[in-house]
Each structure stands twice: as C-alpha cells, then as structure tokens.
Amino acid sequence: MDVSIVEFPSTPVAMIRHGAGPDSEHDTAMKLVQYKLQHKLLDQSRFRSYGLHHLPGQAAGGPVQQVDFCLSTEGPVLANDWGIVESVIPACRCAMARDIGSRLDNQAIKGLLQDWLPQSGEVLSGQPVIFHYVNVGPDVKPDEMITDVYLPLR
C-alpha cells in the first residue's frame, strides 16, 4: 500500500449526517444524491463526493457509527427537503492511501490504521477520516470503485 503525506484543502460542502447503523447508510446517502440531481451537480471533477467517517469515540453521543455524507460545492446550500446543510471540511495534514474495490471492504483504511499508523510515529488529529469517493454512480462496478482515504494527522 502506498501512503503519502498530503495537505487536504479546506473544502466547502453540502452535508447530511448519518448517525444510525450501517444498514441505513444507503438511505441517508440517497438524500444527498437527490439533492445532487435536483441541483445538477453532476460533474465529478467539480462536485466531489465524500464520507467523513468518525472513528469510535469521535461521534458525539456514544458508539453509534457516524458518517457525514458530503458533496463539494461552489455556492451556498439553500434550505431543502432532505436536511442537507452547508459545512466545510477543514484543511488538514493527512496520510492518504487509495483503495480500489468494493466500498464495503475498504482495505486502505484498514492498512492505514492497523499497519501504517503504529509504525509511522504519527498521531491522529481527532478529525473524522475523509473518504473521497472518486468515481460514483450506478454504472460503477464494485471492483472498479476508487476511494482515496485521508487519515487526518496532527
């Protein structure tokens, strides 16, 4: 696994918070997809899809899995029917690794946390892990999915 230390830029986003179990993540993510379709934010090079994955102990209120699904934006996020709000992914120094394959079994995050981090001498910053879903959509096959994983460091 190739790991690079990079500076993740401050990124304005449209965001929806998912604070339930993994079984209902798809339903939450689909609300952001509906927002994306309604506002014609379809160019994946301009409007990037992210998941901010809070590690255990980071989520407010306990051990529930919290993921903030985000779409980078170029303007304000107006009131809407889906509960999408305006937010910012803050700039941060990160270890970055790419995963190719099903998003249900991301090997990059496992490698970063279990292998790379303990040997690196680095310390987590406490910010959520940033998953950049490089290619999204109904035509992307699981074995062709590309996800860049950014592990925020101090």
N, C-alpha and C. Protein backbone atom coordinates (compact mmCIF):
# COMPACT_ATOMS: atom_id res chain seq x y z
N MET A 1 0.85 -1.17 0.00
CA MET A 1 0.00 0.00 0.00
C MET A 1 0.90 1.24 0.00
N ASP A 2 0.64 2.14 -0.93
CA ASP A 2 1.37 3.39 -1.00
C ASP A 2 0.68 4.43 -0.12
N VAL A 3 1.44 5.09 0.74
CA VAL A 3 0.91 6.12 1.63
C VAL A 3 1.69 7.41 1.38
N SER A 4 0.97 8.50 1.20
CA SER A 4 1.57 9.81 1.02
C SER A 4 1.08 10.74 2.12
N ILE A 5 1.94 11.66 2.54
CA ILE A 5 1.51 12.71 3.46
C ILE A 5 1.13 13.91 2.59
N VAL A 6 -0.10 14.36 2.73
CA VAL A 6 -0.64 15.43 1.88
C VAL A 6 -1.35 16.47 2.73
N GLU A 7 -1.57 17.63 2.14
CA GLU A 7 -2.38 18.68 2.76
C GLU A 7 -3.75 18.63 2.10
N PHE A 8 -4.77 18.24 2.85
CA PHE A 8 -6.14 18.25 2.33
C PHE A 8 -6.63 19.70 2.40
N PRO A 9 -7.15 20.25 1.29
CA PRO A 9 -7.57 21.66 1.30
C PRO A 9 -8.91 21.87 1.99
N SER A 10 -9.12 23.04 2.53
CA SER A 10 -10.43 23.42 3.06
C SER A 10 -11.44 23.30 1.92
N THR A 11 -12.54 22.58 2.18
CA THR A 11 -13.48 22.26 1.11
C THR A 11 -14.91 22.54 1.55
N PRO A 12 -15.57 23.54 0.93
CA PRO A 12 -16.99 23.79 1.23
C PRO A 12 -17.83 22.63 0.70
N VAL A 13 -18.80 22.19 1.49
CA VAL A 13 -19.61 21.03 1.12
C VAL A 13 -21.08 21.21 1.49
N ALA A 14 -21.91 20.46 0.78
CA ALA A 14 -23.29 20.20 1.18
C ALA A 14 -23.20 18.89 1.96
N MET A 15 -23.82 18.82 3.15
CA MET A 15 -23.61 17.68 4.03
C MET A 15 -24.92 17.17 4.63
N ILE A 16 -24.98 15.85 4.81
CA ILE A 16 -26.04 15.23 5.58
C ILE A 16 -25.40 14.25 6.56
N ARG A 17 -25.83 14.30 7.80
CA ARG A 17 -25.27 13.45 8.86
C ARG A 17 -26.04 12.14 8.96
N HIS A 18 -25.30 11.05 9.05
CA HIS A 18 -25.88 9.73 9.28
C HIS A 18 -25.39 9.26 10.64
N GLY A 19 -26.30 9.04 11.57
CA GLY A 19 -25.90 8.65 12.91
C GLY A 19 -26.53 7.35 13.36
N ALA A 20 -26.97 6.55 12.42
CA ALA A 20 -27.57 5.25 12.75
C ALA A 20 -26.60 4.15 12.32
N GLY A 21 -27.08 2.93 12.27
CA GLY A 21 -26.24 1.81 11.89
C GLY A 21 -25.94 1.78 10.40
N PRO A 22 -24.99 0.92 10.01
CA PRO A 22 -24.58 0.83 8.61
C PRO A 22 -25.69 0.34 7.68
N ASP A 23 -26.69 -0.35 8.21
CA ASP A 23 -27.77 -0.87 7.36
C ASP A 23 -28.58 0.24 6.69
N SER A 24 -28.62 1.42 7.28
CA SER A 24 -29.42 2.50 6.70
C SER A 24 -28.57 3.61 6.06
N GLU A 25 -27.26 3.39 5.94
CA GLU A 25 -26.38 4.38 5.32
C GLU A 25 -26.83 4.72 3.91
N HIS A 26 -27.21 3.71 3.15
CA HIS A 26 -27.62 3.92 1.74
C HIS A 26 -28.78 4.89 1.66
N ASP A 27 -29.76 4.75 2.55
CA ASP A 27 -30.92 5.65 2.54
C ASP A 27 -30.50 7.10 2.79
N THR A 28 -29.57 7.30 3.72
CA THR A 28 -29.09 8.65 4.01
C THR A 28 -28.32 9.20 2.81
N ALA A 29 -27.44 8.38 2.25
CA ALA A 29 -26.64 8.82 1.10
C ALA A 29 -27.54 9.18 -0.09
N MET A 30 -28.65 8.47 -0.24
CA MET A 30 -29.55 8.74 -1.37
C MET A 30 -30.20 10.12 -1.26
N LYS A 31 -30.35 10.64 -0.06
CA LYS A 31 -30.87 12.00 0.10
C LYS A 31 -29.89 13.00 -0.52
N LEU A 32 -28.59 12.78 -0.31
CA LEU A 32 -27.59 13.65 -0.91
C LEU A 32 -27.58 13.48 -2.43
N VAL A 33 -27.79 12.27 -2.90
CA VAL A 33 -27.86 12.02 -4.34
C VAL A 33 -29.04 12.78 -4.95
N GLN A 34 -30.19 12.77 -4.27
CA GLN A 34 -31.36 13.50 -4.77
C GLN A 34 -31.07 15.00 -4.84
N TYR A 35 -30.40 15.53 -3.81
CA TYR A 35 -30.00 16.93 -3.81
C TYR A 35 -29.08 17.21 -5.00
N LYS A 36 -28.11 16.35 -5.20
CA LYS A 36 -27.14 16.48 -6.29
C LYS A 36 -27.84 16.49 -7.65
N LEU A 37 -28.80 15.58 -7.84
CA LEU A 37 -29.53 15.50 -9.11
C LEU A 37 -30.41 16.73 -9.32
N GLN A 38 -31.12 17.15 -8.27
CA GLN A 38 -32.02 18.29 -8.41
C GLN A 38 -31.25 19.56 -8.78
N HIS A 39 -30.05 19.72 -8.22
CA HIS A 39 -29.27 20.93 -8.48
C HIS A 39 -28.25 20.75 -9.62
N LYS A 40 -28.34 19.60 -10.30
CA LYS A 40 -27.48 19.32 -11.47
C LYS A 40 -25.99 19.46 -11.15
N LEU A 41 -25.60 18.91 -10.01
CA LEU A 41 -24.20 18.93 -9.58
C LEU A 41 -23.54 17.61 -9.98
N LEU A 42 -23.47 17.35 -11.26
CA LEU A 42 -23.12 16.03 -11.77
C LEU A 42 -21.67 15.88 -12.20
N ASP A 43 -20.95 16.96 -12.44
CA ASP A 43 -19.56 16.89 -12.89
C ASP A 43 -18.69 16.45 -11.70
N GLN A 44 -18.23 15.19 -11.73
CA GLN A 44 -17.49 14.63 -10.60
C GLN A 44 -16.12 15.28 -10.39
N SER A 45 -15.62 16.00 -11.39
CA SER A 45 -14.35 16.70 -11.19
C SER A 45 -14.56 18.02 -10.43
N ARG A 46 -15.76 18.57 -10.48
CA ARG A 46 -16.09 19.81 -9.76
C ARG A 46 -16.82 19.55 -8.45
N PHE A 47 -17.71 18.57 -8.45
CA PHE A 47 -18.56 18.28 -7.28
C PHE A 47 -18.19 16.88 -6.78
N ARG A 48 -17.24 16.85 -5.87
CA ARG A 48 -16.68 15.58 -5.39
C ARG A 48 -17.49 15.03 -4.22
N SER A 49 -17.60 13.71 -4.18
CA SER A 49 -18.36 13.01 -3.14
C SER A 49 -17.43 12.55 -2.02
N TYR A 50 -17.82 12.84 -0.77
CA TYR A 50 -17.01 12.49 0.39
C TYR A 50 -17.87 11.82 1.46
N GLY A 51 -17.21 11.01 2.27
CA GLY A 51 -17.77 10.49 3.50
C GLY A 51 -16.81 10.84 4.62
N LEU A 52 -17.30 11.51 5.65
CA LEU A 52 -16.48 11.82 6.82
C LEU A 52 -16.82 10.78 7.88
N HIS A 53 -15.92 9.84 8.07
CA HIS A 53 -16.16 8.71 8.96
C HIS A 53 -15.54 9.00 10.32
N HIS A 54 -16.40 9.13 11.31
CA HIS A 54 -15.96 9.38 12.67
C HIS A 54 -15.52 8.05 13.28
N LEU A 55 -14.30 8.01 13.78
CA LEU A 55 -13.80 6.79 14.41
C LEU A 55 -14.50 6.59 15.74
N PRO A 56 -14.54 5.35 16.25
CA PRO A 56 -15.17 5.13 17.56
C PRO A 56 -14.58 6.08 18.60
N GLY A 57 -15.47 6.68 19.37
CA GLY A 57 -15.03 7.66 20.36
C GLY A 57 -15.07 9.09 19.85
N GLN A 58 -15.19 9.26 18.51
CA GLN A 58 -15.27 10.61 17.95
C GLN A 58 -16.71 11.09 17.83
N ALA A 59 -17.63 10.16 17.64
CA ALA A 59 -19.03 10.54 17.41
C ALA A 59 -19.63 11.08 18.70
N ALA A 60 -20.32 12.19 18.56
CA ALA A 60 -20.99 12.78 19.73
C ALA A 60 -22.09 11.85 20.18
N GLY A 61 -22.14 11.54 21.45
CA GLY A 61 -23.23 10.75 21.98
C GLY A 61 -22.99 9.25 22.06
N GLY A 62 -21.77 8.78 21.77
CA GLY A 62 -21.52 7.38 22.01
C GLY A 62 -21.06 6.57 20.83
N PRO A 63 -21.26 5.25 20.90
CA PRO A 63 -20.64 4.34 19.96
C PRO A 63 -21.36 4.16 18.62
N VAL A 64 -22.38 4.94 18.33
CA VAL A 64 -23.08 4.79 17.06
C VAL A 64 -22.12 5.14 15.93
N GLN A 65 -22.32 4.50 14.79
CA GLN A 65 -21.49 4.82 13.64
C GLN A 65 -21.98 6.14 13.05
N GLN A 66 -21.10 7.12 13.02
CA GLN A 66 -21.48 8.41 12.45
C GLN A 66 -20.67 8.65 11.19
N VAL A 67 -21.40 8.97 10.11
CA VAL A 67 -20.79 9.32 8.83
C VAL A 67 -21.50 10.56 8.33
N ASP A 68 -20.71 11.54 7.91
CA ASP A 68 -21.27 12.73 7.28
C ASP A 68 -21.04 12.57 5.78
N PHE A 69 -22.13 12.44 5.01
CA PHE A 69 -22.00 12.33 3.56
C PHE A 69 -21.99 13.74 2.99
N CYS A 70 -21.02 14.01 2.10
CA CYS A 70 -20.80 15.37 1.62
C CYS A 70 -20.61 15.41 0.11
N LEU A 71 -20.90 16.57 -0.43
CA LEU A 71 -20.68 16.87 -1.84
C LEU A 71 -20.04 18.25 -1.88
N SER A 72 -18.85 18.36 -2.49
CA SER A 72 -18.21 19.67 -2.56
C SER A 72 -19.10 20.61 -3.36
N THR A 73 -19.08 21.88 -2.98
CA THR A 73 -19.97 22.86 -3.61
C THR A 73 -19.19 24.09 -4.05
N GLU A 74 -19.84 24.89 -4.86
CA GLU A 74 -19.25 26.15 -5.31
C GLU A 74 -20.13 27.33 -4.93
N GLY A 75 -21.17 27.08 -4.16
CA GLY A 75 -22.08 28.15 -3.77
C GLY A 75 -22.81 27.76 -2.51
N PRO A 76 -23.76 28.60 -2.10
CA PRO A 76 -24.49 28.33 -0.85
C PRO A 76 -25.40 27.11 -0.97
N VAL A 77 -25.65 26.48 0.16
CA VAL A 77 -26.60 25.38 0.24
C VAL A 77 -27.89 25.96 0.81
N LEU A 78 -28.91 26.01 -0.01
CA LEU A 78 -30.18 26.61 0.39
C LEU A 78 -31.04 25.58 1.13
N ALA A 79 -32.05 26.06 1.83
CA ALA A 79 -32.99 25.19 2.52
C ALA A 79 -33.54 24.17 1.53
N ASN A 80 -33.72 22.94 1.99
CA ASN A 80 -34.16 21.86 1.10
C ASN A 80 -34.94 20.83 1.89
N ASP A 81 -35.57 19.89 1.18
CA ASP A 81 -36.41 18.87 1.80
C ASP A 81 -35.64 17.69 2.37
N TRP A 82 -34.35 17.61 2.16
CA TRP A 82 -33.59 16.42 2.55
C TRP A 82 -32.76 16.60 3.82
N GLY A 83 -32.71 17.80 4.36
CA GLY A 83 -31.90 18.03 5.55
C GLY A 83 -30.42 18.23 5.23
N ILE A 84 -30.13 18.59 3.98
CA ILE A 84 -28.75 18.86 3.57
C ILE A 84 -28.38 20.25 4.08
N VAL A 85 -27.22 20.38 4.71
CA VAL A 85 -26.78 21.66 5.26
C VAL A 85 -25.42 22.04 4.69
N GLU A 86 -25.10 23.31 4.83
CA GLU A 86 -23.80 23.82 4.39
C GLU A 86 -22.77 23.55 5.48
N SER A 87 -21.57 23.12 5.06
CA SER A 87 -20.50 22.86 6.01
C SER A 87 -19.17 23.02 5.29
N VAL A 88 -18.09 22.76 6.01
CA VAL A 88 -16.75 22.83 5.44
C VAL A 88 -15.93 21.67 5.99
N ILE A 89 -15.24 20.98 5.11
CA ILE A 89 -14.22 20.03 5.57
C ILE A 89 -12.98 20.88 5.78
N PRO A 90 -12.47 20.97 7.02
CA PRO A 90 -11.34 21.86 7.26
C PRO A 90 -10.04 21.34 6.63
N ALA A 91 -9.16 22.26 6.29
CA ALA A 91 -7.84 21.89 5.79
C ALA A 91 -7.13 21.08 6.88
N CYS A 92 -6.40 20.07 6.46
CA CYS A 92 -5.67 19.27 7.44
C CYS A 92 -4.54 18.48 6.76
N ARG A 93 -3.56 18.16 7.54
CA ARG A 93 -2.45 17.32 7.12
C ARG A 93 -2.91 15.87 7.26
N CYS A 94 -2.70 15.07 6.22
CA CYS A 94 -3.24 13.71 6.21
C CYS A 94 -2.26 12.70 5.63
N ALA A 95 -2.42 11.46 6.07
CA ALA A 95 -1.85 10.33 5.36
C ALA A 95 -2.92 9.89 4.36
N MET A 96 -2.53 9.69 3.10
CA MET A 96 -3.50 9.33 2.07
C MET A 96 -3.10 8.02 1.42
N ALA A 97 -4.10 7.14 1.24
CA ALA A 97 -3.91 5.88 0.52
C ALA A 97 -5.13 5.65 -0.36
N ARG A 98 -4.94 5.02 -1.49
CA ARG A 98 -6.03 4.75 -2.43
C ARG A 98 -6.49 3.29 -2.29
N ASP A 99 -7.80 3.12 -2.33
CA ASP A 99 -8.40 1.79 -2.33
C ASP A 99 -9.12 1.61 -3.67
N ILE A 100 -8.91 0.46 -4.28
CA ILE A 100 -9.65 0.11 -5.48
C ILE A 100 -10.40 -1.17 -5.18
N GLY A 101 -11.71 -1.11 -5.29
CA GLY A 101 -12.55 -2.26 -5.00
C GLY A 101 -13.79 -1.82 -4.24
N SER A 102 -14.58 -2.78 -3.84
CA SER A 102 -15.85 -2.52 -3.18
C SER A 102 -15.69 -1.60 -1.97
N ARG A 103 -16.58 -0.65 -1.86
CA ARG A 103 -16.54 0.26 -0.71
C ARG A 103 -17.00 -0.43 0.57
N LEU A 104 -17.52 -1.64 0.45
CA LEU A 104 -17.95 -2.39 1.63
C LEU A 104 -16.78 -3.06 2.34
N ASP A 105 -15.61 -3.08 1.68
CA ASP A 105 -14.43 -3.73 2.28
C ASP A 105 -13.20 -2.90 1.95
N ASN A 106 -13.15 -1.69 2.48
CA ASN A 106 -12.07 -0.76 2.16
C ASN A 106 -10.78 -1.22 2.84
N GLN A 107 -9.81 -1.60 2.04
CA GLN A 107 -8.54 -2.08 2.57
C GLN A 107 -7.60 -0.94 2.95
N ALA A 108 -7.76 0.22 2.33
CA ALA A 108 -6.86 1.34 2.63
C ALA A 108 -7.02 1.81 4.08
N ILE A 109 -8.25 1.94 4.56
CA ILE A 109 -8.42 2.40 5.94
C ILE A 109 -7.88 1.35 6.92
N LYS A 110 -8.10 0.08 6.61
CA LYS A 110 -7.55 -0.97 7.48
C LYS A 110 -6.04 -0.91 7.52
N GLY A 111 -5.41 -0.75 6.36
CA GLY A 111 -3.95 -0.68 6.29
C GLY A 111 -3.40 0.55 6.99
N LEU A 112 -4.08 1.69 6.80
CA LEU A 112 -3.61 2.92 7.45
C LEU A 112 -3.67 2.80 8.97
N LEU A 113 -4.79 2.31 9.49
CA LEU A 113 -4.96 2.26 10.95
C LEU A 113 -4.20 1.11 11.61
N GLN A 114 -4.19 -0.06 10.97
CA GLN A 114 -3.60 -1.23 11.61
C GLN A 114 -2.11 -1.39 11.35
N ASP A 115 -1.66 -1.00 10.17
CA ASP A 115 -0.25 -1.22 9.81
C ASP A 115 0.57 0.07 9.77
N TRP A 116 0.11 1.03 8.99
CA TRP A 116 0.91 2.24 8.77
C TRP A 116 1.01 3.11 10.02
N LEU A 117 -0.12 3.44 10.64
CA LEU A 117 -0.11 4.38 11.77
C LEU A 117 0.79 3.93 12.93
N PRO A 118 0.68 2.67 13.40
CA PRO A 118 1.52 2.27 14.53
C PRO A 118 3.03 2.36 14.24
N GLN A 119 3.40 2.22 12.98
CA GLN A 119 4.83 2.24 12.63
C GLN A 119 5.31 3.63 12.18
N SER A 120 4.39 4.56 12.01
CA SER A 120 4.73 5.85 11.41
C SER A 120 5.28 6.89 12.38
N GLY A 121 4.93 6.76 13.66
CA GLY A 121 5.29 7.79 14.62
C GLY A 121 4.32 8.97 14.58
N GLU A 122 3.30 8.90 13.72
CA GLU A 122 2.31 9.97 13.60
C GLU A 122 1.20 9.77 14.63
N VAL A 123 0.43 10.85 14.85
CA VAL A 123 -0.68 10.83 15.80
C VAL A 123 -1.92 11.35 15.10
N LEU A 124 -3.05 10.69 15.34
CA LEU A 124 -4.31 11.15 14.76
C LEU A 124 -4.70 12.51 15.32
N SER A 125 -5.33 13.31 14.49
CA SER A 125 -5.72 14.66 14.92
C SER A 125 -7.05 14.66 15.69
N GLY A 126 -7.85 13.63 15.51
CA GLY A 126 -9.18 13.60 16.12
C GLY A 126 -10.28 14.00 15.14
N GLN A 127 -9.91 14.49 13.96
CA GLN A 127 -10.90 14.79 12.93
C GLN A 127 -11.37 13.49 12.27
N PRO A 128 -12.56 13.49 11.69
CA PRO A 128 -13.04 12.28 11.01
C PRO A 128 -12.14 11.91 9.83
N VAL A 129 -12.08 10.63 9.53
CA VAL A 129 -11.37 10.14 8.36
C VAL A 129 -12.17 10.56 7.12
N ILE A 130 -11.46 11.07 6.12
CA ILE A 130 -12.11 11.57 4.90
C ILE A 130 -12.00 10.51 3.81
N PHE A 131 -13.14 10.04 3.33
CA PHE A 131 -13.17 9.14 2.19
C PHE A 131 -13.61 9.97 0.99
N HIS A 132 -12.77 10.05 -0.04
CA HIS A 132 -13.16 10.71 -1.29
C HIS A 132 -13.56 9.60 -2.26
N TYR A 133 -14.84 9.56 -2.56
CA TYR A 133 -15.37 8.56 -3.49
C TYR A 133 -15.12 9.09 -4.89
N VAL A 134 -13.99 8.68 -5.49
CA VAL A 134 -13.50 9.26 -6.73
C VAL A 134 -14.48 9.02 -7.89
N ASN A 135 -15.01 7.83 -7.97
CA ASN A 135 -15.98 7.53 -9.03
C ASN A 135 -17.25 6.98 -8.38
N VAL A 136 -18.36 7.61 -8.69
CA VAL A 136 -19.64 7.21 -8.11
C VAL A 136 -20.68 7.07 -9.22
N GLY A 137 -21.74 6.36 -8.90
CA GLY A 137 -22.84 6.25 -9.84
C GLY A 137 -23.26 4.81 -10.04
N PRO A 138 -24.43 4.62 -10.61
CA PRO A 138 -24.99 3.28 -10.75
C PRO A 138 -24.22 2.39 -11.72
N ASP A 139 -23.41 2.97 -12.59
CA ASP A 139 -22.67 2.17 -13.58
C ASP A 139 -21.29 1.74 -13.10
N VAL A 140 -20.87 2.20 -11.92
CA VAL A 140 -19.54 1.83 -11.41
C VAL A 140 -19.64 0.47 -10.74
N LYS A 141 -18.89 -0.49 -11.28
CA LYS A 141 -18.88 -1.85 -10.72
C LYS A 141 -18.06 -1.87 -9.43
N PRO A 142 -18.44 -2.72 -8.47
CA PRO A 142 -17.71 -2.75 -7.20
C PRO A 142 -16.19 -2.93 -7.34
N ASP A 143 -15.74 -3.75 -8.27
CA ASP A 143 -14.30 -3.97 -8.40
C ASP A 143 -13.59 -2.80 -9.09
N GLU A 144 -14.35 -1.80 -9.57
CA GLU A 144 -13.78 -0.63 -10.22
C GLU A 144 -13.91 0.64 -9.37
N MET A 145 -14.48 0.52 -8.18
CA MET A 145 -14.66 1.67 -7.30
C MET A 145 -13.30 2.17 -6.80
N ILE A 146 -13.13 3.49 -6.85
CA ILE A 146 -11.89 4.11 -6.38
C ILE A 146 -12.24 5.03 -5.21
N THR A 147 -11.55 4.82 -4.09
CA THR A 147 -11.76 5.64 -2.90
C THR A 147 -10.39 6.07 -2.37
N ASP A 148 -10.19 7.38 -2.29
CA ASP A 148 -8.98 7.90 -1.66
C ASP A 148 -9.31 8.14 -0.19
N VAL A 149 -8.51 7.58 0.69
CA VAL A 149 -8.74 7.68 2.13
C VAL A 149 -7.69 8.63 2.73
N TYR A 150 -8.18 9.65 3.42
CA TYR A 150 -7.34 10.66 4.06
C TYR A 150 -7.47 10.51 5.58
N LEU A 151 -6.37 10.16 6.22
CA LEU A 151 -6.32 9.97 7.67
C LEU A 151 -5.74 11.25 8.29
N PRO A 152 -6.57 12.10 8.92
CA PRO A 152 -6.07 13.38 9.47
C PRO A 152 -5.07 13.17 10.61
N LEU A 153 -3.95 13.88 10.51
CA LEU A 153 -2.85 13.76 11.47
C LEU A 153 -2.61 15.10 12.16
N ARG A 154 -1.95 15.03 13.30
CA ARG A 154 -1.56 16.28 13.99
C ARG A 154 -0.40 16.92 13.27
